[in-house]
mmCIF file of all heavy atoms, coordinates in Angstrom:
data_MODEL
# 
_entry.id   MODEL 
# 
loop_
_atom_site.group_PDB 
_atom_site.id 
_atom_site.type_symbol 
_atom_site.label_atom_id 
_atom_site.label_alt_id 
_atom_site.label_comp_id 
_atom_site.label_asym_id 
_atom_site.label_entity_id 
_atom_site.label_seq_id 
_atom_site.pdbx_PDB_ins_code 
_atom_site.Cartn_x 
_atom_site.Cartn_y 
_atom_site.Cartn_z 
_atom_site.occupancy 
_atom_site.B_iso_or_equiv 
_atom_site.pdbx_formal_charge 
_atom_site.auth_seq_id 
_atom_site.auth_comp_id 
_atom_site.auth_asym_id 
_atom_site.auth_atom_id 
_atom_site.pdbx_PDB_model_num 
ATOM 1   N N   . ALA A 1 1  ? 14.301  -2.576  25.136 1.00 0.00 ? 1  ALA A N   1 
ATOM 2   C CA  . ALA A 1 1  ? 13.115  -3.384  25.302 1.00 0.00 ? 1  ALA A CA  1 
ATOM 3   C C   . ALA A 1 1  ? 13.173  -3.824  26.753 1.00 0.00 ? 1  ALA A C   1 
ATOM 4   O O   . ALA A 1 1  ? 12.063  -3.829  27.403 1.00 0.00 ? 1  ALA A O   1 
ATOM 5   C CB  . ALA A 1 1  ? 13.183  -4.572  24.407 1.00 0.00 ? 1  ALA A CB  1 
ATOM 6   N N   . ARG A 1 2  ? 14.295  -4.111  27.384 1.00 0.00 ? 2  ARG A N   1 
ATOM 7   C CA  . ARG A 1 2  ? 14.350  -4.505  28.822 1.00 0.00 ? 2  ARG A CA  1 
ATOM 8   C C   . ARG A 1 2  ? 14.085  -3.391  29.567 1.00 0.00 ? 2  ARG A C   1 
ATOM 9   O O   . ARG A 1 2  ? 13.448  -3.583  30.759 1.00 0.00 ? 2  ARG A O   1 
ATOM 10  C CB  . ARG A 1 2  ? 15.712  -5.052  29.063 1.00 0.00 ? 2  ARG A CB  1 
ATOM 11  C CG  . ARG A 1 2  ? 16.012  -6.453  28.572 1.00 0.00 ? 2  ARG A CG  1 
ATOM 12  C CD  . ARG A 1 2  ? 17.397  -6.949  28.851 1.00 0.00 ? 2  ARG A CD  1 
ATOM 13  N NE  . ARG A 1 2  ? 17.617  -8.361  28.310 1.00 0.00 ? 2  ARG A NE  1 
ATOM 14  C CZ  . ARG A 1 2  ? 18.710  -8.934  28.169 1.00 0.00 ? 2  ARG A CZ  1 
ATOM 15  N NH1 . ARG A 1 2  ? 19.888  -8.287  28.555 1.00 0.00 ? 2  ARG A NH1 1 
ATOM 16  N NH2 . ARG A 1 2  ? 18.814  -10.180 27.795 1.00 0.00 ? 2  ARG A NH2 1 
ATOM 17  N N   . GLN A 1 3  ? 14.369  -2.175  29.213 1.00 0.00 ? 3  GLN A N   1 
ATOM 18  C CA  . GLN A 1 3  ? 13.996  -1.040  29.996 1.00 0.00 ? 3  GLN A CA  1 
ATOM 19  C C   . GLN A 1 3  ? 12.425  -0.950  30.134 1.00 0.00 ? 3  GLN A C   1 
ATOM 20  O O   . GLN A 1 3  ? 11.898  -0.697  31.212 1.00 0.00 ? 3  GLN A O   1 
ATOM 21  C CB  . GLN A 1 3  ? 14.521  0.284   29.389 1.00 0.00 ? 3  GLN A CB  1 
ATOM 22  C CG  . GLN A 1 3  ? 14.078  1.487   30.012 1.00 0.00 ? 3  GLN A CG  1 
ATOM 23  C CD  . GLN A 1 3  ? 14.438  2.703   29.139 1.00 0.00 ? 3  GLN A CD  1 
ATOM 24  O OE1 . GLN A 1 3  ? 14.705  3.804   29.663 1.00 0.00 ? 3  GLN A OE1 1 
ATOM 25  N NE2 . GLN A 1 3  ? 14.322  2.543   27.821 1.00 0.00 ? 3  GLN A NE2 1 
ATOM 26  N N   . ILE A 1 4  ? 11.797  -1.099  29.008 1.00 0.00 ? 4  ILE A N   1 
ATOM 27  C CA  . ILE A 1 4  ? 10.283  -0.942  28.945 1.00 0.00 ? 4  ILE A CA  1 
ATOM 28  C C   . ILE A 1 4  ? 9.717   -2.142  29.771 1.00 0.00 ? 4  ILE A C   1 
ATOM 29  O O   . ILE A 1 4  ? 8.779   -2.039  30.530 1.00 0.00 ? 4  ILE A O   1 
ATOM 30  C CB  . ILE A 1 4  ? 9.749   -0.988  27.621 1.00 0.00 ? 4  ILE A CB  1 
ATOM 31  C CG1 . ILE A 1 4  ? 10.365  0.174   26.764 1.00 0.00 ? 4  ILE A CG1 1 
ATOM 32  C CG2 . ILE A 1 4  ? 8.292   -1.034  27.411 1.00 0.00 ? 4  ILE A CG2 1 
ATOM 33  C CD1 . ILE A 1 4  ? 10.112  0.174   25.224 1.00 0.00 ? 4  ILE A CD1 1 
ATOM 34  N N   . GLN A 1 5  ? 10.325  -3.319  29.646 1.00 0.00 ? 5  GLN A N   1 
ATOM 35  C CA  . GLN A 1 5  ? 9.903   -4.474  30.363 1.00 0.00 ? 5  GLN A CA  1 
ATOM 36  C C   . GLN A 1 5  ? 10.055  -4.320  31.817 1.00 0.00 ? 5  GLN A C   1 
ATOM 37  O O   . GLN A 1 5  ? 9.119   -4.564  32.615 1.00 0.00 ? 5  GLN A O   1 
ATOM 38  C CB  . GLN A 1 5  ? 10.679  -5.720  29.871 1.00 0.00 ? 5  GLN A CB  1 
ATOM 39  C CG  . GLN A 1 5  ? 10.206  -7.072  30.506 1.00 0.00 ? 5  GLN A CG  1 
ATOM 40  C CD  . GLN A 1 5  ? 11.082  -8.155  30.095 1.00 0.00 ? 5  GLN A CD  1 
ATOM 41  O OE1 . GLN A 1 5  ? 12.279  -8.054  30.224 1.00 0.00 ? 5  GLN A OE1 1 
ATOM 42  N NE2 . GLN A 1 5  ? 10.524  -9.192  29.586 1.00 0.00 ? 5  GLN A NE2 1 
ATOM 43  N N   . SER A 1 6  ? 11.036  -3.621  32.286 1.00 0.00 ? 6  SER A N   1 
ATOM 44  C CA  . SER A 1 6  ? 11.261  -3.352  33.686 1.00 0.00 ? 6  SER A CA  1 
ATOM 45  C C   . SER A 1 6  ? 10.273  -2.391  34.309 1.00 0.00 ? 6  SER A C   1 
ATOM 46  O O   . SER A 1 6  ? 9.875   -2.557  35.362 1.00 0.00 ? 6  SER A O   1 
ATOM 47  C CB  . SER A 1 6  ? 12.738  -2.825  33.922 1.00 0.00 ? 6  SER A CB  1 
ATOM 48  O OG  . SER A 1 6  ? 13.668  -3.756  33.562 1.00 0.00 ? 6  SER A OG  1 
ATOM 49  N N   . LEU A 1 7  ? 9.913   -1.403  33.430 1.00 0.00 ? 7  LEU A N   1 
ATOM 50  C CA  . LEU A 1 7  ? 8.871   -0.475  33.814 1.00 0.00 ? 7  LEU A CA  1 
ATOM 51  C C   . LEU A 1 7  ? 7.486   -1.178  34.067 1.00 0.00 ? 7  LEU A C   1 
ATOM 52  O O   . LEU A 1 7  ? 6.864   -0.968  35.016 1.00 0.00 ? 7  LEU A O   1 
ATOM 53  C CB  . LEU A 1 7  ? 8.661   0.664   32.842 1.00 0.00 ? 7  LEU A CB  1 
ATOM 54  C CG  . LEU A 1 7  ? 7.539   1.557   33.065 1.00 0.00 ? 7  LEU A CG  1 
ATOM 55  C CD1 . LEU A 1 7  ? 7.891   2.435   34.265 1.00 0.00 ? 7  LEU A CD1 1 
ATOM 56  C CD2 . LEU A 1 7  ? 7.268   2.541   31.875 1.00 0.00 ? 7  LEU A CD2 1 
ATOM 57  N N   . TYR A 1 8  ? 7.197   -2.034  33.158 1.00 0.00 ? 8  TYR A N   1 
ATOM 58  C CA  . TYR A 1 8  ? 5.842   -2.843  33.318 1.00 0.00 ? 8  TYR A CA  1 
ATOM 59  C C   . TYR A 1 8  ? 5.978   -3.746  34.647 1.00 0.00 ? 8  TYR A C   1 
ATOM 60  O O   . TYR A 1 8  ? 4.958   -3.851  35.332 1.00 0.00 ? 8  TYR A O   1 
ATOM 61  C CB  . TYR A 1 8  ? 5.700   -3.688  32.079 1.00 0.00 ? 8  TYR A CB  1 
ATOM 62  C CG  . TYR A 1 8  ? 5.305   -2.900  30.853 1.00 0.00 ? 8  TYR A CG  1 
ATOM 63  C CD1 . TYR A 1 8  ? 5.672   -3.372  29.572 1.00 0.00 ? 8  TYR A CD1 1 
ATOM 64  C CD2 . TYR A 1 8  ? 4.739   -1.594  30.936 1.00 0.00 ? 8  TYR A CD2 1 
ATOM 65  C CE1 . TYR A 1 8  ? 5.393   -2.679  28.453 1.00 0.00 ? 8  TYR A CE1 1 
ATOM 66  C CE2 . TYR A 1 8  ? 4.428   -0.881  29.886 1.00 0.00 ? 8  TYR A CE2 1 
ATOM 67  C CZ  . TYR A 1 8  ? 4.788   -1.511  28.548 1.00 0.00 ? 8  TYR A CZ  1 
ATOM 68  O OH  . TYR A 1 8  ? 4.547   -0.692  27.418 1.00 0.00 ? 8  TYR A OH  1 
ATOM 69  N N   . GLU A 1 9  ? 7.131   -4.289  34.877 1.00 0.00 ? 9  GLU A N   1 
ATOM 70  C CA  . GLU A 1 9  ? 7.268   -5.141  36.096 1.00 0.00 ? 9  GLU A CA  1 
ATOM 71  C C   . GLU A 1 9  ? 7.150   -4.271  37.307 1.00 0.00 ? 9  GLU A C   1 
ATOM 72  O O   . GLU A 1 9  ? 6.574   -4.732  38.303 1.00 0.00 ? 9  GLU A O   1 
ATOM 73  C CB  . GLU A 1 9  ? 8.688   -5.816  35.939 1.00 0.00 ? 9  GLU A CB  1 
ATOM 74  C CG  . GLU A 1 9  ? 8.952   -6.804  37.093 1.00 0.00 ? 9  GLU A CG  1 
ATOM 75  C CD  . GLU A 1 9  ? 8.046   -8.012  36.911 1.00 0.00 ? 9  GLU A CD  1 
ATOM 76  O OE1 . GLU A 1 9  ? 7.750   -8.341  35.726 1.00 0.00 ? 9  GLU A OE1 1 
ATOM 77  O OE2 . GLU A 1 9  ? 7.640   -8.721  37.886 1.00 0.00 ? 9  GLU A OE2 1 
ATOM 78  N N   . TYR A 1 10 ? 7.743   -3.042  37.258 1.00 0.00 ? 10 TYR A N   1 
ATOM 79  C CA  . TYR A 1 10 ? 7.663   -2.200  38.390 1.00 0.00 ? 10 TYR A CA  1 
ATOM 80  C C   . TYR A 1 10 ? 6.227   -1.782  38.685 1.00 0.00 ? 10 TYR A C   1 
ATOM 81  O O   . TYR A 1 10 ? 5.724   -1.748  39.807 1.00 0.00 ? 10 TYR A O   1 
ATOM 82  C CB  . TYR A 1 10 ? 8.594   -0.938  38.150 1.00 0.00 ? 10 TYR A CB  1 
ATOM 83  C CG  . TYR A 1 10 ? 8.501   0.124   39.211 1.00 0.00 ? 10 TYR A CG  1 
ATOM 84  C CD1 . TYR A 1 10 ? 8.843   -0.331  40.506 1.00 0.00 ? 10 TYR A CD1 1 
ATOM 85  C CD2 . TYR A 1 10 ? 8.241   1.436   38.956 1.00 0.00 ? 10 TYR A CD2 1 
ATOM 86  C CE1 . TYR A 1 10 ? 8.861   0.838   41.563 1.00 0.00 ? 10 TYR A CE1 1 
ATOM 87  C CE2 . TYR A 1 10 ? 8.331   2.401   39.892 1.00 0.00 ? 10 TYR A CE2 1 
ATOM 88  C CZ  . TYR A 1 10 ? 8.541   2.058   41.169 1.00 0.00 ? 10 TYR A CZ  1 
ATOM 89  O OH  . TYR A 1 10 ? 8.572   3.045   42.197 1.00 0.00 ? 10 TYR A OH  1 
ATOM 90  N N   . ASP A 1 11 ? 5.571   -1.404  37.604 1.00 0.00 ? 11 ASP A N   1 
ATOM 91  C CA  . ASP A 1 11 ? 4.140   -1.013  37.750 1.00 0.00 ? 11 ASP A CA  1 
ATOM 92  C C   . ASP A 1 11 ? 3.231   -2.193  38.212 1.00 0.00 ? 11 ASP A C   1 
ATOM 93  O O   . ASP A 1 11 ? 2.358   -1.942  39.059 1.00 0.00 ? 11 ASP A O   1 
ATOM 94  C CB  . ASP A 1 11 ? 3.574   -0.480  36.347 1.00 0.00 ? 11 ASP A CB  1 
ATOM 95  C CG  . ASP A 1 11 ? 4.153   0.893   36.003 1.00 0.00 ? 11 ASP A CG  1 
ATOM 96  O OD1 . ASP A 1 11 ? 4.757   1.511   36.857 1.00 0.00 ? 11 ASP A OD1 1 
ATOM 97  O OD2 . ASP A 1 11 ? 4.034   1.172   34.819 1.00 0.00 ? 11 ASP A OD2 1 
ATOM 98  N N   . LYS A 1 12 ? 3.609   -3.435  37.696 1.00 0.00 ? 12 LYS A N   1 
ATOM 99  C CA  . LYS A 1 12 ? 2.782   -4.426  38.135 1.00 0.00 ? 12 LYS A CA  1 
ATOM 100 C C   . LYS A 1 12 ? 2.970   -4.777  39.599 1.00 0.00 ? 12 LYS A C   1 
ATOM 101 O O   . LYS A 1 12 ? 2.047   -5.133  40.353 1.00 0.00 ? 12 LYS A O   1 
ATOM 102 C CB  . LYS A 1 12 ? 3.179   -5.732  37.278 1.00 0.00 ? 12 LYS A CB  1 
ATOM 103 C CG  . LYS A 1 12 ? 2.395   -7.010  37.511 1.00 0.00 ? 12 LYS A CG  1 
ATOM 104 C CD  . LYS A 1 12 ? 2.870   -8.236  36.724 1.00 0.00 ? 12 LYS A CD  1 
ATOM 105 C CE  . LYS A 1 12 ? 4.177   -8.745  37.401 1.00 0.00 ? 12 LYS A CE  1 
ATOM 106 N NZ  . LYS A 1 12 ? 4.587   -9.942  36.915 1.00 0.00 ? 12 LYS A NZ  1 
ATOM 107 N N   . THR A 1 13 ? 4.191   -4.686  40.041 1.00 0.00 ? 13 THR A N   1 
ATOM 108 C CA  . THR A 1 13 ? 4.458   -4.897  41.415 1.00 0.00 ? 13 THR A CA  1 
ATOM 109 C C   . THR A 1 13 ? 3.765   -3.929  42.485 1.00 0.00 ? 13 THR A C   1 
ATOM 110 O O   . THR A 1 13 ? 3.242   -4.265  43.444 1.00 0.00 ? 13 THR A O   1 
ATOM 111 C CB  . THR A 1 13 ? 6.036   -4.851  41.697 1.00 0.00 ? 13 THR A CB  1 
ATOM 112 O OG1 . THR A 1 13 ? 6.744   -5.699  40.779 1.00 0.00 ? 13 THR A OG1 1 
ATOM 113 C CG2 . THR A 1 13 ? 6.420   -5.162  43.175 1.00 0.00 ? 13 THR A CG2 1 
ATOM 114 N N   . ILE A 1 14 ? 3.791   -2.634  41.922 1.00 0.00 ? 14 ILE A N   1 
ATOM 115 C CA  . ILE A 1 14 ? 3.044   -1.624  42.826 1.00 0.00 ? 14 ILE A CA  1 
ATOM 116 C C   . ILE A 1 14 ? 1.550   -1.963  42.811 1.00 0.00 ? 14 ILE A C   1 
ATOM 117 O O   . ILE A 1 14 ? 1.009   -1.927  43.897 1.00 0.00 ? 14 ILE A O   1 
ATOM 118 C CB  . ILE A 1 14 ? 3.383   -0.258  42.262 1.00 0.00 ? 14 ILE A CB  1 
ATOM 119 C CG1 . ILE A 1 14 ? 4.859   0.107   42.389 1.00 0.00 ? 14 ILE A CG1 1 
ATOM 120 C CG2 . ILE A 1 14 ? 2.456   0.743   42.933 1.00 0.00 ? 14 ILE A CG2 1 
ATOM 121 C CD1 . ILE A 1 14 ? 5.167   1.536   41.797 1.00 0.00 ? 14 ILE A CD1 1 
ATOM 122 N N   . LEU A 1 15 ? 0.993   -2.186  41.686 1.00 0.00 ? 15 LEU A N   1 
ATOM 123 C CA  . LEU A 1 15 ? -0.410  -2.447  41.623 1.00 0.00 ? 15 LEU A CA  1 
ATOM 124 C C   . LEU A 1 15 ? -0.837  -3.726  42.433 1.00 0.00 ? 15 LEU A C   1 
ATOM 125 O O   . LEU A 1 15 ? -1.813  -3.545  43.212 1.00 0.00 ? 15 LEU A O   1 
ATOM 126 C CB  . LEU A 1 15 ? -0.839  -2.755  40.122 1.00 0.00 ? 15 LEU A CB  1 
ATOM 127 C CG  . LEU A 1 15 ? -2.331  -3.021  39.838 1.00 0.00 ? 15 LEU A CG  1 
ATOM 128 C CD1 . LEU A 1 15 ? -3.125  -1.903  40.368 1.00 0.00 ? 15 LEU A CD1 1 
ATOM 129 C CD2 . LEU A 1 15 ? -2.526  -3.262  38.380 1.00 0.00 ? 15 LEU A CD2 1 
ATOM 130 N N   . HIS A 1 16 ? -0.019  -4.843  42.344 1.00 0.00 ? 16 HIS A N   1 
ATOM 131 C CA  . HIS A 1 16 ? -0.426  -6.040  43.120 1.00 0.00 ? 16 HIS A CA  1 
ATOM 132 C C   . HIS A 1 16 ? -0.141  -5.755  44.612 1.00 0.00 ? 16 HIS A C   1 
ATOM 133 O O   . HIS A 1 16 ? -0.990  -6.300  45.399 1.00 0.00 ? 16 HIS A O   1 
ATOM 134 C CB  . HIS A 1 16 ? 0.559   -7.190  42.540 1.00 0.00 ? 16 HIS A CB  1 
ATOM 135 C CG  . HIS A 1 16 ? 0.088   -7.772  41.349 1.00 0.00 ? 16 HIS A CG  1 
ATOM 136 N ND1 . HIS A 1 16 ? 0.644   -8.795  40.652 1.00 0.00 ? 16 HIS A ND1 1 
ATOM 137 C CD2 . HIS A 1 16 ? -0.884  -7.267  40.423 1.00 0.00 ? 16 HIS A CD2 1 
ATOM 138 C CE1 . HIS A 1 16 ? 0.066   -9.088  39.506 1.00 0.00 ? 16 HIS A CE1 1 
ATOM 139 N NE2 . HIS A 1 16 ? -0.834  -8.190  39.326 1.00 0.00 ? 16 HIS A NE2 1 
ATOM 140 N N   . ALA A 1 17 ? 0.755   -5.001  44.920 1.00 0.00 ? 17 ALA A N   1 
ATOM 141 C CA  . ALA A 1 17 ? 1.057   -4.672  46.350 1.00 0.00 ? 17 ALA A CA  1 
ATOM 142 C C   . ALA A 1 17 ? -0.150  -3.904  46.948 1.00 0.00 ? 17 ALA A C   1 
ATOM 143 O O   . ALA A 1 17 ? -0.601  -4.183  48.094 1.00 0.00 ? 17 ALA A O   1 
ATOM 144 C CB  . ALA A 1 17 ? 2.273   -3.864  46.516 1.00 0.00 ? 17 ALA A CB  1 
ATOM 145 N N   . TYR A 1 18 ? -0.637  -2.894  46.147 1.00 0.00 ? 18 TYR A N   1 
ATOM 146 C CA  . TYR A 1 18 ? -1.879  -2.179  46.578 1.00 0.00 ? 18 TYR A CA  1 
ATOM 147 C C   . TYR A 1 18 ? -3.108  -3.087  46.821 1.00 0.00 ? 18 TYR A C   1 
ATOM 148 O O   . TYR A 1 18 ? -3.778  -3.088  47.833 1.00 0.00 ? 18 TYR A O   1 
ATOM 149 C CB  . TYR A 1 18 ? -2.164  -1.027  45.658 1.00 0.00 ? 18 TYR A CB  1 
ATOM 150 C CG  . TYR A 1 18 ? -3.416  -0.226  45.985 1.00 0.00 ? 18 TYR A CG  1 
ATOM 151 C CD1 . TYR A 1 18 ? -3.287  0.812   46.947 1.00 0.00 ? 18 TYR A CD1 1 
ATOM 152 C CD2 . TYR A 1 18 ? -4.644  -0.498  45.544 1.00 0.00 ? 18 TYR A CD2 1 
ATOM 153 C CE1 . TYR A 1 18 ? -4.468  1.511   47.247 1.00 0.00 ? 18 TYR A CE1 1 
ATOM 154 C CE2 . TYR A 1 18 ? -5.772  0.126   45.875 1.00 0.00 ? 18 TYR A CE2 1 
ATOM 155 C CZ  . TYR A 1 18 ? -5.585  1.242   46.707 1.00 0.00 ? 18 TYR A CZ  1 
ATOM 156 O OH  . TYR A 1 18 ? -6.701  1.862   47.035 1.00 0.00 ? 18 TYR A OH  1 
ATOM 157 N N   . LEU A 1 19 ? -3.266  -3.996  45.763 1.00 0.00 ? 19 LEU A N   1 
ATOM 158 C CA  . LEU A 1 19 ? -4.469  -4.835  45.859 1.00 0.00 ? 19 LEU A CA  1 
ATOM 159 C C   . LEU A 1 19 ? -4.283  -5.761  46.852 1.00 0.00 ? 19 LEU A C   1 
ATOM 160 O O   . LEU A 1 19 ? -5.362  -6.184  47.518 1.00 0.00 ? 19 LEU A O   1 
ATOM 161 C CB  . LEU A 1 19 ? -4.623  -5.455  44.511 1.00 0.00 ? 19 LEU A CB  1 
ATOM 162 C CG  . LEU A 1 19 ? -4.982  -4.583  43.202 1.00 0.00 ? 19 LEU A CG  1 
ATOM 163 C CD1 . LEU A 1 19 ? -4.964  -5.397  41.941 1.00 0.00 ? 19 LEU A CD1 1 
ATOM 164 C CD2 . LEU A 1 19 ? -6.336  -3.848  43.437 1.00 0.00 ? 19 LEU A CD2 1 
ATOM 165 N N   . ASP A 1 20 ? -3.120  -6.354  47.183 1.00 0.00 ? 20 ASP A N   1 
ATOM 166 C CA  . ASP A 1 20 ? -3.040  -7.324  48.258 1.00 0.00 ? 20 ASP A CA  1 
ATOM 167 C C   . ASP A 1 20 ? -3.313  -6.680  49.613 1.00 0.00 ? 20 ASP A C   1 
ATOM 168 O O   . ASP A 1 20 ? -4.162  -7.300  50.369 1.00 0.00 ? 20 ASP A O   1 
ATOM 169 C CB  . ASP A 1 20 ? -1.455  -7.673  48.386 1.00 0.00 ? 20 ASP A CB  1 
ATOM 170 C CG  . ASP A 1 20 ? -1.030  -8.606  47.365 1.00 0.00 ? 20 ASP A CG  1 
ATOM 171 O OD1 . ASP A 1 20 ? -1.966  -9.217  46.720 1.00 0.00 ? 20 ASP A OD1 1 
ATOM 172 O OD2 . ASP A 1 20 ? 0.206   -8.836  47.158 1.00 0.00 ? 20 ASP A OD2 1 
ATOM 173 N N   . VAL A 1 21 ? -2.894  -5.465  49.924 1.00 0.00 ? 21 VAL A N   1 
ATOM 174 C CA  . VAL A 1 21 ? -3.341  -4.799  51.164 1.00 0.00 ? 21 VAL A CA  1 
ATOM 175 C C   . VAL A 1 21 ? -4.767  -4.549  51.158 1.00 0.00 ? 21 VAL A C   1 
ATOM 176 O O   . VAL A 1 21 ? -5.504  -4.870  52.226 1.00 0.00 ? 21 VAL A O   1 
ATOM 177 C CB  . VAL A 1 21 ? -2.580  -3.596  51.385 1.00 0.00 ? 21 VAL A CB  1 
ATOM 178 C CG1 . VAL A 1 21 ? -2.942  -2.765  52.670 1.00 0.00 ? 21 VAL A CG1 1 
ATOM 179 C CG2 . VAL A 1 21 ? -0.974  -3.710  51.384 1.00 0.00 ? 21 VAL A CG2 1 
ATOM 180 N N   . ALA A 1 22 ? -5.373  -4.010  50.085 1.00 0.00 ? 22 ALA A N   1 
ATOM 181 C CA  . ALA A 1 22 ? -6.876  -3.745  50.066 1.00 0.00 ? 22 ALA A CA  1 
ATOM 182 C C   . ALA A 1 22 ? -7.664  -4.993  50.302 1.00 0.00 ? 22 ALA A C   1 
ATOM 183 O O   . ALA A 1 22 ? -8.632  -5.008  50.980 1.00 0.00 ? 22 ALA A O   1 
ATOM 184 C CB  . ALA A 1 22 ? -7.230  -3.119  48.776 1.00 0.00 ? 22 ALA A CB  1 
ATOM 185 N N   . ASN A 1 23 ? -7.296  -6.130  49.602 1.00 0.00 ? 23 ASN A N   1 
ATOM 186 C CA  . ASN A 1 23 ? -8.088  -7.273  49.831 1.00 0.00 ? 23 ASN A CA  1 
ATOM 187 C C   . ASN A 1 23 ? -7.953  -7.855  51.217 1.00 0.00 ? 23 ASN A C   1 
ATOM 188 O O   . ASN A 1 23 ? -8.854  -8.310  51.746 1.00 0.00 ? 23 ASN A O   1 
ATOM 189 C CB  . ASN A 1 23 ? -7.545  -8.429  48.803 1.00 0.00 ? 23 ASN A CB  1 
ATOM 190 C CG  . ASN A 1 23 ? -8.033  -8.079  47.327 1.00 0.00 ? 23 ASN A CG  1 
ATOM 191 O OD1 . ASN A 1 23 ? -8.874  -7.301  47.162 1.00 0.00 ? 23 ASN A OD1 1 
ATOM 192 N ND2 . ASN A 1 23 ? -7.182  -8.658  46.350 1.00 0.00 ? 23 ASN A ND2 1 
ATOM 193 N N   . LEU A 1 24 ? -6.730  -7.865  51.761 1.00 0.00 ? 24 LEU A N   1 
ATOM 194 C CA  . LEU A 1 24 ? -6.544  -8.417  53.144 1.00 0.00 ? 24 LEU A CA  1 
ATOM 195 C C   . LEU A 1 24 ? -7.158  -7.596  54.133 1.00 0.00 ? 24 LEU A C   1 
ATOM 196 O O   . LEU A 1 24 ? -7.612  -8.042  55.193 1.00 0.00 ? 24 LEU A O   1 
ATOM 197 C CB  . LEU A 1 24 ? -5.036  -8.555  53.261 1.00 0.00 ? 24 LEU A CB  1 
ATOM 198 C CG  . LEU A 1 24 ? -4.309  -9.570  52.576 1.00 0.00 ? 24 LEU A CG  1 
ATOM 199 C CD1 . LEU A 1 24 ? -2.850  -9.503  52.690 1.00 0.00 ? 24 LEU A CD1 1 
ATOM 200 C CD2 . LEU A 1 24 ? -4.802  -10.979 52.974 1.00 0.00 ? 24 LEU A CD2 1 
ATOM 201 N N   . MET A 1 25 ? -7.219  -6.197  53.932 1.00 0.00 ? 25 MET A N   1 
ATOM 202 C CA  . MET A 1 25 ? -7.923  -5.407  54.884 1.00 0.00 ? 25 MET A CA  1 
ATOM 203 C C   . MET A 1 25 ? -9.392  -5.817  54.910 1.00 0.00 ? 25 MET A C   1 
ATOM 204 O O   . MET A 1 25 ? -9.957  -5.917  56.093 1.00 0.00 ? 25 MET A O   1 
ATOM 205 C CB  . MET A 1 25 ? -7.859  -3.894  54.507 1.00 0.00 ? 25 MET A CB  1 
ATOM 206 C CG  . MET A 1 25 ? -6.546  -3.252  54.856 1.00 0.00 ? 25 MET A CG  1 
ATOM 207 S SD  . MET A 1 25 ? -6.494  -1.562  54.093 1.00 0.00 ? 25 MET A SD  1 
ATOM 208 C CE  . MET A 1 25 ? -7.830  -0.795  54.972 1.00 0.00 ? 25 MET A CE  1 
ATOM 209 N N   . SER A 1 26 ? -10.028 -6.029  53.869 1.00 0.00 ? 26 SER A N   1 
ATOM 210 C CA  . SER A 1 26 ? -11.347 -6.439  53.818 1.00 0.00 ? 26 SER A CA  1 
ATOM 211 C C   . SER A 1 26 ? -11.541 -7.895  54.426 1.00 0.00 ? 26 SER A C   1 
ATOM 212 O O   . SER A 1 26 ? -12.458 -8.168  55.187 1.00 0.00 ? 26 SER A O   1 
ATOM 213 C CB  . SER A 1 26 ? -11.896 -6.472  52.334 1.00 0.00 ? 26 SER A CB  1 
ATOM 214 O OG  . SER A 1 26 ? -13.220 -7.005  52.318 1.00 0.00 ? 26 SER A OG  1 
ATOM 215 N N   . LYS A 1 27 ? -10.475 -8.723  54.137 1.00 0.00 ? 27 LYS A N   1 
ATOM 216 C CA  . LYS A 1 27 ? -10.566 -10.074 54.763 1.00 0.00 ? 27 LYS A CA  1 
ATOM 217 C C   . LYS A 1 27 ? -10.512 -10.014 56.178 1.00 0.00 ? 27 LYS A C   1 
ATOM 218 O O   . LYS A 1 27 ? -11.151 -11.005 56.854 1.00 0.00 ? 27 LYS A O   1 
ATOM 219 C CB  . LYS A 1 27 ? -9.463  -10.909 54.023 1.00 0.00 ? 27 LYS A CB  1 
ATOM 220 C CG  . LYS A 1 27 ? -9.522  -12.400 54.443 1.00 0.00 ? 27 LYS A CG  1 
ATOM 221 C CD  . LYS A 1 27 ? -8.436  -13.207 53.735 1.00 0.00 ? 27 LYS A CD  1 
ATOM 222 C CE  . LYS A 1 27 ? -8.542  -14.725 54.106 1.00 0.00 ? 27 LYS A CE  1 
ATOM 223 N NZ  . LYS A 1 27 ? -7.497  -15.415 53.306 1.00 0.00 ? 27 LYS A NZ  1 
ATOM 224 N N   . VAL A 1 28 ? -9.687  -9.165  56.820 1.00 0.00 ? 28 VAL A N   1 
ATOM 225 C CA  . VAL A 1 28 ? -9.481  -9.134  58.220 1.00 0.00 ? 28 VAL A CA  1 
ATOM 226 C C   . VAL A 1 28 ? -10.841 -8.875  58.871 1.00 0.00 ? 28 VAL A C   1 
ATOM 227 O O   . VAL A 1 28 ? -11.299 -9.565  59.912 1.00 0.00 ? 28 VAL A O   1 
ATOM 228 C CB  . VAL A 1 28 ? -8.504  -8.098  58.648 1.00 0.00 ? 28 VAL A CB  1 
ATOM 229 C CG1 . VAL A 1 28 ? -8.521  -7.776  60.151 1.00 0.00 ? 28 VAL A CG1 1 
ATOM 230 C CG2 . VAL A 1 28 ? -7.043  -8.571  58.337 1.00 0.00 ? 28 VAL A CG2 1 
# 
């Protein structure tokens, strides 16, 4: 279960990182 949880955490981190950059590029 922790393995699956870690995968979701990894995917969430990548997705949020991409959205952070995309939003900030527009904000600049």
